[in-house]
Structure formats: C-alpha cells, structure tokens
Amino acid sequence: MKNTNRLGKMPTWQKYFVQIGMLACSLTGTVYLLGHEFRIERAVLGTHSVLAWHGIAAILATIALGSVLPFHLKAGLKSKRKLWSGLSQLAFLAILLVSGALLYYGPEEMRDGVIATHWMIGITFFAIFLLHGVYAKKLPS
C-alpha cells in the first residue's frame, strides 16, 4: 500500500483540483495572450469570452491556491524540498493576483505596463508550476 501520509503530499482530489485550476488559468491566459497581444487568430483567440474564461479559471486557481496554503506550504517549508520552485510560485501568484486586479480596477495610465508584467510573470509561473509538479529531486534523509 502506498504511503499517503508523506509530509506535504496533497490528497488526490486536491492535487487534481490544483493542477486543473492552475492549468486552466495558464492555458486560457496563454490563448488570450496569443490572440489579443500577439494578434494570432485574434477573432477567435483574443475575444472577450476567452478573457472571461481566463477570469473564471483565475478564480478557481485562487481557490486551489487557498486549499494548498495551510498544509502543503507549511510542510514544504519544513522539509525544504522544492523550496525554490514552491516559494517562487507563491511570489509569482501574488504578483499575478495583484496585476490581475489592477487590470480590472487600476488606472488607465498603468495598464500597458501591468499587461506586460502580468503576461511575463504568467508565462514564468506556468513554467515553474510544471517543473514543480514534475521535478522529483530526492534529498538525502
């Protein structure tokens, strides 16, 4: 039988919830970026409905993040496993949440800079998220 009580290991439902939430947010954001900013198939990829789906996915990703904070983050800090990727994800998600709010509620003068920051941090976060979930460096006990 597999040990499900390993320090920092999420229950299966939570792992899938986090993965689906973060992937949905990252993928819808990437689709919108390609359509709106890079003008690739803009009529399909850069539409308001894609942006709305990105917002909905961001809400789910934020809830998923909240489900991880009390246990997974504490256990990760204690074990020091994947510390760099875990803490950088947390910092990037904080920037993404603030920049997303600024895109919606912030002053027009800041908008272009916030857009650039949001998508650059978003791409960086997505790469680190994928590495964090896949990278299984074992530290000596």
Protein backbone atom coordinates (compact mmCIF):
# COMPACT_ATOMS: atom_id res chain seq x y z
CA MET A 1 0.00 0.00 0.00
CA LYS A 2 1.26 3.47 -0.91
CA ASN A 3 2.13 5.80 1.96
CA THR A 4 -0.41 8.64 1.70
CA ASN A 5 0.81 10.39 4.85
CA ARG A 6 4.07 11.63 3.35
CA LEU A 7 4.94 15.15 4.51
CA GLY A 8 3.42 17.75 2.17
CA LYS A 9 1.68 15.26 -0.09
CA MET A 10 -1.73 16.50 -1.12
CA PRO A 11 -4.76 14.23 -1.19
CA THR A 12 -5.58 13.09 -4.74
CA TRP A 13 -8.66 15.33 -5.06
CA GLN A 14 -6.64 18.38 -4.02
CA LYS A 15 -3.76 17.59 -6.35
CA TYR A 16 -6.14 17.37 -9.31
CA PHE A 17 -8.02 20.50 -8.23
CA VAL A 18 -4.78 22.49 -8.06
CA GLN A 19 -3.49 21.08 -11.35
CA ILE A 20 -6.75 21.68 -13.21
CA GLY A 21 -7.19 25.16 -11.73
CA MET A 22 -3.65 26.32 -12.49
CA LEU A 23 -3.54 24.68 -15.93
CA ALA A 24 -6.93 26.12 -16.92
CA CYS A 25 -5.85 29.59 -15.83
CA SER A 26 -2.47 29.33 -17.54
CA LEU A 27 -3.87 27.90 -20.77
CA THR A 28 -6.74 30.38 -21.09
CA GLY A 29 -4.30 33.20 -20.34
CA THR A 30 -1.92 31.91 -23.00
CA VAL A 31 -4.73 31.64 -25.55
CA TYR A 32 -5.83 35.21 -24.82
CA LEU A 33 -2.22 36.44 -24.95
CA LEU A 34 -1.70 34.87 -28.37
CA GLY A 35 -4.92 36.33 -29.72
CA HIS A 36 -5.01 39.74 -28.12
CA GLU A 37 -1.37 40.77 -27.66
CA PHE A 38 0.31 38.83 -30.47
CA ARG A 39 -2.70 39.03 -32.82
CA ILE A 40 -2.63 35.34 -33.75
CA GLU A 41 -6.17 34.39 -34.84
CA ARG A 42 -7.38 37.44 -32.88
CA ALA A 43 -11.01 36.97 -33.92
CA VAL A 44 -11.04 33.59 -32.16
CA LEU A 45 -8.31 33.64 -29.50
CA GLY A 46 -8.41 37.29 -28.41
CA THR A 47 -12.12 37.57 -27.70
CA HIS A 48 -13.88 38.76 -24.58
CA SER A 49 -15.25 35.25 -23.99
CA VAL A 50 -11.69 33.85 -23.79
CA LEU A 51 -10.83 36.61 -21.33
CA ALA A 52 -13.96 35.77 -19.30
CA TRP A 53 -12.95 32.09 -19.18
CA HIS A 54 -9.49 33.20 -18.03
CA GLY A 55 -11.13 35.19 -15.21
CA ILE A 56 -13.24 32.21 -14.15
CA ALA A 57 -10.19 29.94 -14.25
CA ALA A 58 -8.26 32.51 -12.19
CA ILE A 59 -10.94 32.36 -9.51
CA LEU A 60 -10.68 28.54 -9.43
CA ALA A 61 -6.88 28.75 -9.34
CA THR A 62 -7.07 31.19 -6.42
CA ILE A 63 -9.37 28.82 -4.53
CA ALA A 64 -6.95 25.97 -5.33
CA LEU A 65 -4.06 28.07 -4.00
CA GLY A 66 -6.02 28.70 -0.81
CA SER A 67 -6.56 24.96 -0.38
CA VAL A 68 -2.78 24.38 -0.55
CA LEU A 69 -1.59 27.14 1.77
CA PRO A 70 -2.49 25.72 5.20
CA PHE A 71 -0.83 22.33 4.83
CA HIS A 72 1.24 21.89 1.67
CA LEU A 73 3.13 25.17 2.04
CA LYS A 74 3.86 24.59 5.74
CA ALA A 75 5.08 21.05 5.06
CA GLY A 76 7.20 22.24 2.14
CA LEU A 77 8.86 24.91 4.27
CA LYS A 78 9.58 22.35 6.98
CA SER A 79 11.03 19.76 4.60
CA LYS A 80 12.85 22.30 2.39
CA ARG A 81 12.03 20.15 -0.67
CA LYS A 82 11.33 22.08 -3.86
CA LEU A 83 11.69 25.25 -1.80
CA TRP A 84 12.85 27.48 -4.65
CA SER A 85 10.08 26.44 -7.05
CA GLY A 86 7.40 26.49 -4.36
CA LEU A 87 8.22 29.92 -2.95
CA SER A 88 8.75 31.44 -6.39
CA GLN A 89 5.33 30.13 -7.45
CA LEU A 90 3.80 31.75 -4.39
CA ALA A 91 5.50 35.09 -5.14
CA PHE A 92 4.52 34.97 -8.82
CA LEU A 93 0.92 34.10 -7.95
CA ALA A 94 0.79 37.08 -5.60
CA ILE A 95 2.03 39.33 -8.43
CA LEU A 96 -0.49 37.77 -10.82
CA LEU A 97 -3.36 38.35 -8.39
CA VAL A 98 -2.39 42.00 -7.83
CA SER A 99 -1.72 42.69 -11.51
CA GLY A 100 -4.99 40.97 -12.48
CA ALA A 101 -6.87 43.21 -10.05
CA LEU A 102 -5.04 46.26 -11.42
CA LEU A 103 -6.02 45.29 -14.97
CA TYR A 104 -9.64 45.33 -13.91
CA TYR A 105 -9.69 48.11 -11.33
CA GLY A 106 -6.45 50.05 -11.85
CA PRO A 107 -5.85 53.40 -13.51
CA GLU A 108 -5.64 53.53 -17.31
CA GLU A 109 -2.16 55.12 -17.18
CA MET A 110 -0.68 51.93 -15.70
CA ARG A 111 -2.49 49.49 -17.97
CA ASP A 112 0.19 48.83 -20.62
CA GLY A 113 2.90 48.17 -18.03
CA VAL A 114 0.60 45.98 -15.97
CA ILE A 115 -0.41 43.96 -19.05
CA ALA A 116 3.24 43.27 -19.90
CA THR A 117 4.07 42.38 -16.29
CA HIS A 118 1.04 40.10 -16.00
CA TRP A 119 1.75 38.01 -19.06
CA MET A 120 5.53 37.78 -18.50
CA ILE A 121 5.04 36.68 -14.89
CA GLY A 122 2.23 34.36 -16.01
CA ILE A 123 4.46 32.54 -18.51
CA THR A 124 7.24 32.28 -15.93
CA PHE A 125 4.79 30.96 -13.32
CA PHE A 126 3.44 28.33 -15.74
CA ALA A 127 6.94 27.01 -16.47
CA ILE A 128 7.82 26.81 -12.77
CA PHE A 129 4.46 25.21 -11.95
CA LEU A 130 5.12 22.46 -14.48
CA LEU A 131 8.66 21.92 -13.13
CA HIS A 132 7.47 21.92 -9.51
CA GLY A 133 4.93 19.20 -10.20
CA VAL A 134 7.25 17.03 -12.28
CA TYR A 135 10.65 17.59 -10.70
CA ALA A 136 11.19 14.92 -8.07
CA LYS A 137 14.65 15.64 -6.63
CA LYS A 138 15.17 13.42 -3.63
CA LEU A 139 17.09 14.95 -0.76
CA PRO A 140 19.10 12.62 1.46
CA SER A 141 17.22 11.72 4.64
